[in-house]
Protein backbone atom coordinates (compact mmCIF):
# COMPACT_ATOMS: atom_id res chain seq x y z
CA MET A 1 349.75 173.11 75.05
CA ARG A 2 350.82 176.58 75.09
CA VAL A 3 351.49 179.24 72.51
CA ASP A 4 353.36 182.47 73.56
CA ARG A 5 351.91 185.50 72.04
CA ILE A 6 351.98 189.15 72.22
CA VAL A 7 348.68 190.99 72.57
CA SER A 8 347.44 194.35 73.32
CA THR A 9 344.43 195.12 75.43
CA GLY A 10 341.41 195.79 73.17
CA ALA A 11 343.25 196.20 69.74
CA GLY A 12 344.38 192.83 68.75
CA PRO A 13 347.84 191.53 68.12
CA THR A 14 350.77 194.07 68.34
CA GLY A 15 354.51 194.02 68.73
CA PRO A 16 357.61 195.25 66.90
CA ALA A 17 356.26 194.31 63.28
CA THR A 18 353.02 196.52 63.98
CA GLY A 19 354.94 199.56 65.78
CA GLY A 20 352.56 199.19 68.67
CA GLU A 21 353.52 198.60 72.31
CA ALA A 22 353.86 194.95 73.36
CA VAL A 23 352.12 193.50 76.32
CA ALA A 24 353.54 190.02 77.08
CA GLY A 25 350.84 187.25 77.44
CA ARG A 26 350.08 183.82 76.12
CA VAL A 27 347.05 181.96 74.64
CA VAL A 28 346.40 178.41 76.05
CA VAL A 29 345.08 175.91 73.54
CA ARG A 30 343.88 172.52 75.13
CA GLU A 31 344.87 169.28 73.33
CA ARG A 32 341.18 168.50 72.99
CA VAL A 33 340.67 171.48 70.71
CA TYR A 34 343.54 170.36 68.36
CA ARG A 35 342.17 166.79 68.48
CA THR A 36 338.56 167.92 67.75
CA VAL A 37 339.58 170.22 64.89
CA ALA A 38 341.82 167.41 63.60
CA GLU A 39 339.10 164.85 63.55
CA GLN A 40 336.68 167.21 61.85
CA ALA A 41 339.00 168.28 59.15
CA SER A 42 340.18 164.81 58.33
CA ALA A 43 336.57 163.55 58.33
CA ALA A 44 335.59 166.28 55.75
CA LEU A 45 338.77 165.44 53.62
CA ILE A 46 338.37 161.78 53.79
CA GLY A 47 334.66 161.66 53.14
CA VAL A 48 333.56 159.87 56.44
CA SER A 49 331.47 161.20 59.30
CA ARG A 50 333.58 162.65 62.39
CA GLY A 51 332.60 159.75 64.63
CA ASP A 52 334.54 157.45 62.52
CA VAL A 53 337.80 159.32 62.80
CA LYS A 54 340.11 159.18 65.83
CA ALA A 55 342.96 161.62 66.20
CA ASP A 56 345.91 162.02 68.62
CA VAL A 57 347.80 165.24 68.70
CA VAL A 58 351.26 165.31 70.41
CA GLU A 59 353.32 168.59 70.69
CA ARG A 60 357.07 168.15 69.08
CA GLY A 61 359.23 171.10 69.57
CA ALA A 62 357.59 173.91 67.78
CA GLY A 63 355.20 171.93 65.79
CA LEU A 64 352.61 169.24 66.15
CA ALA A 65 352.61 165.44 65.26
CA LEU A 66 349.19 163.73 64.46
CA ARG A 67 348.04 160.22 64.34
CA ILE A 68 344.76 159.78 62.32
CA SER A 69 342.78 156.57 62.43
CA SER A 70 339.87 156.34 59.88
CA PRO A 71 338.04 153.97 57.62
CA LEU A 72 338.46 154.73 53.93
CA PRO A 73 335.56 155.11 51.46
CA VAL A 74 335.72 152.54 48.65
CA PRO A 75 333.46 151.88 45.76
CA ASP A 76 331.08 149.23 45.58
CA LEU A 77 332.78 145.95 44.59
CA ALA A 78 330.11 145.30 41.86
CA ASP A 79 331.12 148.44 40.09
CA THR A 80 334.18 147.31 38.17
CA ALA A 81 334.48 150.68 36.34
CA ALA A 82 334.51 152.76 39.61
CA ILE A 83 337.26 150.24 41.04
CA ALA A 84 339.44 150.67 37.94
CA ALA A 85 339.15 154.51 38.24
CA THR A 86 340.09 154.37 41.89
CA THR A 87 343.54 155.32 43.13
CA PRO A 88 345.35 152.61 44.91
CA VAL A 89 345.18 152.87 48.74
CA LEU A 90 348.68 153.74 49.71
CA GLU A 91 348.67 156.45 47.08
CA ARG A 92 345.39 157.62 48.46
CA ALA A 93 346.83 157.67 52.03
CA ARG A 94 349.98 159.57 50.84
CA GLU A 95 347.80 162.24 49.30
CA LEU A 96 345.68 162.43 52.28
CA GLN A 97 348.84 163.06 54.49
CA GLU A 98 349.94 165.91 52.19
CA GLN A 99 346.65 167.62 52.18
CA LEU A 100 345.85 167.35 55.90
CA GLN A 101 349.24 168.77 56.68
CA GLN A 102 348.80 171.81 54.48
CA ASN A 103 345.12 172.32 55.84
CA LEU A 104 345.98 171.74 59.44
CA THR A 105 349.13 173.94 59.54
CA GLY A 106 347.03 176.71 58.26
CA VAL A 107 344.09 176.04 60.68
CA PHE A 108 346.31 175.66 63.67
CA GLY A 109 348.80 178.36 62.95
CA ARG A 110 351.58 175.86 63.92
CA GLU A 111 353.66 173.57 61.71
CA VAL A 112 352.27 170.24 61.54
CA THR A 113 355.53 168.27 61.20
CA ARG A 114 354.34 164.59 61.09
CA ILE A 115 351.02 162.96 60.23
CA ALA A 116 350.60 159.16 60.59
CA VAL A 117 347.41 157.76 58.82
CA THR A 118 346.07 154.39 59.84
CA ILE A 119 343.40 152.79 57.56
CA THR A 120 341.01 150.83 60.14
CA GLY A 121 338.74 149.54 57.51
CA ALA A 122 336.54 150.37 54.18
CA ILE A 123 333.18 152.11 53.98
CA ILE A 124 331.07 151.76 50.97
CA PRO A 125 329.11 155.01 50.35
CA GLU A 126 325.41 154.81 50.08
CA ARG A 127 323.91 155.35 46.71
CA ARG A 128 321.17 157.73 46.90
CA ARG A 129 318.25 157.45 44.34
CA VAL A 130 317.67 160.57 42.11
CA ARG A 131 313.97 161.49 42.05
């Protein structure tokens, strides 16, 4: 994946907006970088480890399309109060899509045009004892 960009030697980005002299160039960002960043950001937002998340990134026009596969943390089935307070799965997936689109658009510096979230299972977070 390539991003065309105007850079100046030693000073940083320049161009018509900054009033500096423009030197043509480009920045090449590999797909694995997008994939790694998407997996890390998704894992942090969902609340699972990065190894549980799989991401596919495809360039679509000027933007990016992502496919995220991850298990979803759910409360322990014995805890009825926590289950009653939990948001339904489809609503949680929709919220994850919106939050990931906003976060990753900012991180990538490119428009994320589509995110498909696939729930691959459920994870019950470990309870830690307070000492």
